Amino acid sequence: MKKQLNLNQYHRYQGKVLTAHKEIPYDIQLSTRLILDELCFNWNKAYFEREINRSIDEKNKAAFLALSKQYKHYIV
C-alpha cells in the first residue's frame, strides 16, 4: 500500500522554501476511515428512513418503491 504523506511548507522572508514531510501511521488512517464510513452509513440510513416515512405520509407509491429499493442495501 502506498504511503500517504502530508506536505507542509514554511516560507521565510529570505532564503529557500523549506519542505517538511510527515507520515501518517497506518492504524490511524484505518481507524479514521472506518469512523467516516460508519458516520456516512448511519446518515444515509437515517435519510432513507425519513424519506420513506414522508412518502408514506404523502401516499406516494412510486417514491416509496424507489426509496425502499435503495434502502434494502442498509438493512441486509
Protein backbone atom coordinates (compact mmCIF):
# COMPACT_ATOMS: atom_id res chain seq x y z
CA MET A 1 0.00 0.00 0.00
CA LYS A 2 1.39 3.40 -0.97
CA LYS A 3 2.17 5.65 1.97
CA GLN A 4 0.36 8.96 2.14
CA LEU A 5 2.32 11.99 3.13
CA ASN A 6 1.34 15.40 4.40
CA LEU A 7 3.25 18.23 2.84
CA ASN A 8 3.86 21.37 4.88
CA GLN A 9 5.77 24.37 3.56
CA TYR A 10 7.37 27.00 5.74
CA HIS A 11 8.15 30.26 3.96
CA ARG A 12 10.87 32.58 5.18
CA TYR A 13 11.15 36.18 4.24
CA GLN A 14 14.59 35.47 2.77
CA GLY A 15 16.17 32.29 1.52
CA LYS A 16 14.86 28.93 0.31
CA VAL A 17 11.45 27.42 0.96
CA LEU A 18 11.65 24.57 3.49
CA THR A 19 9.51 21.49 2.89
CA ALA A 20 8.61 19.07 5.70
CA HIS A 21 7.07 15.61 5.24
CA LYS A 22 5.15 13.81 7.95
CA GLU A 23 3.97 10.23 7.57
CA ILE A 24 0.56 9.26 8.96
CA PRO A 25 0.61 5.83 10.65
CA TYR A 26 -1.47 3.12 9.00
CA ASP A 27 -3.56 2.33 12.10
CA ILE A 28 -4.66 5.96 12.39
CA GLN A 29 -5.55 6.07 8.70
CA LEU A 30 -7.57 2.87 9.02
CA SER A 31 -9.43 3.92 12.16
CA THR A 32 -10.36 7.32 10.71
CA ARG A 33 -11.55 5.68 7.51
CA LEU A 34 -13.74 3.24 9.48
CA ILE A 35 -15.21 6.05 11.58
CA LEU A 36 -16.03 8.12 8.49
CA ASP A 37 -17.58 5.09 6.77
CA GLU A 38 -19.78 4.39 9.79
CA LEU A 39 -20.88 8.03 10.02
CA CYS A 40 -21.80 8.09 6.32
CA PHE A 41 -23.65 4.78 6.62
CA ASN A 42 -25.71 5.94 9.61
CA TRP A 43 -26.52 9.30 7.98
CA ASN A 44 -27.62 7.67 4.71
CA LYS A 45 -29.75 5.10 6.54
CA ALA A 46 -31.50 7.80 8.57
CA TYR A 47 -32.04 9.87 5.41
CA PHE A 48 -33.74 6.97 3.61
CA GLU A 49 -35.89 6.24 6.66
CA ARG A 50 -37.07 9.89 6.77
CA GLU A 51 -37.80 9.95 3.05
CA ILE A 52 -39.66 6.63 3.15
CA ASN A 53 -41.78 7.86 6.06
CA ARG A 54 -42.51 11.09 4.18
CA SER A 55 -43.55 9.17 1.04
CA ILE A 56 -45.89 7.03 3.19
CA ASP A 57 -47.43 10.15 4.72
CA GLU A 58 -47.91 11.69 1.27
CA LYS A 59 -49.19 8.35 -0.11
CA ASN A 60 -46.66 8.49 -2.94
CA LYS A 61 -46.30 4.87 -4.00
CA ALA A 62 -43.70 5.48 -6.75
CA ALA A 63 -41.36 7.34 -4.39
CA PHE A 64 -41.87 4.70 -1.71
CA LEU A 65 -40.93 1.86 -4.06
CA ALA A 66 -37.85 3.68 -5.36
CA LEU A 67 -36.63 4.61 -1.87
CA SER A 68 -37.32 1.20 -0.38
CA LYS A 69 -35.29 -0.41 -3.17
CA GLN A 70 -32.30 1.79 -2.23
CA TYR A 71 -32.90 1.26 1.50
CA LYS A 72 -32.56 -2.53 1.13
CA HIS A 73 -28.77 -2.12 0.97
CA TYR A 74 -28.77 -0.74 4.52
CA ILE A 75 -30.80 -3.50 6.18
CA VAL A 76 -29.42 -6.62 4.51
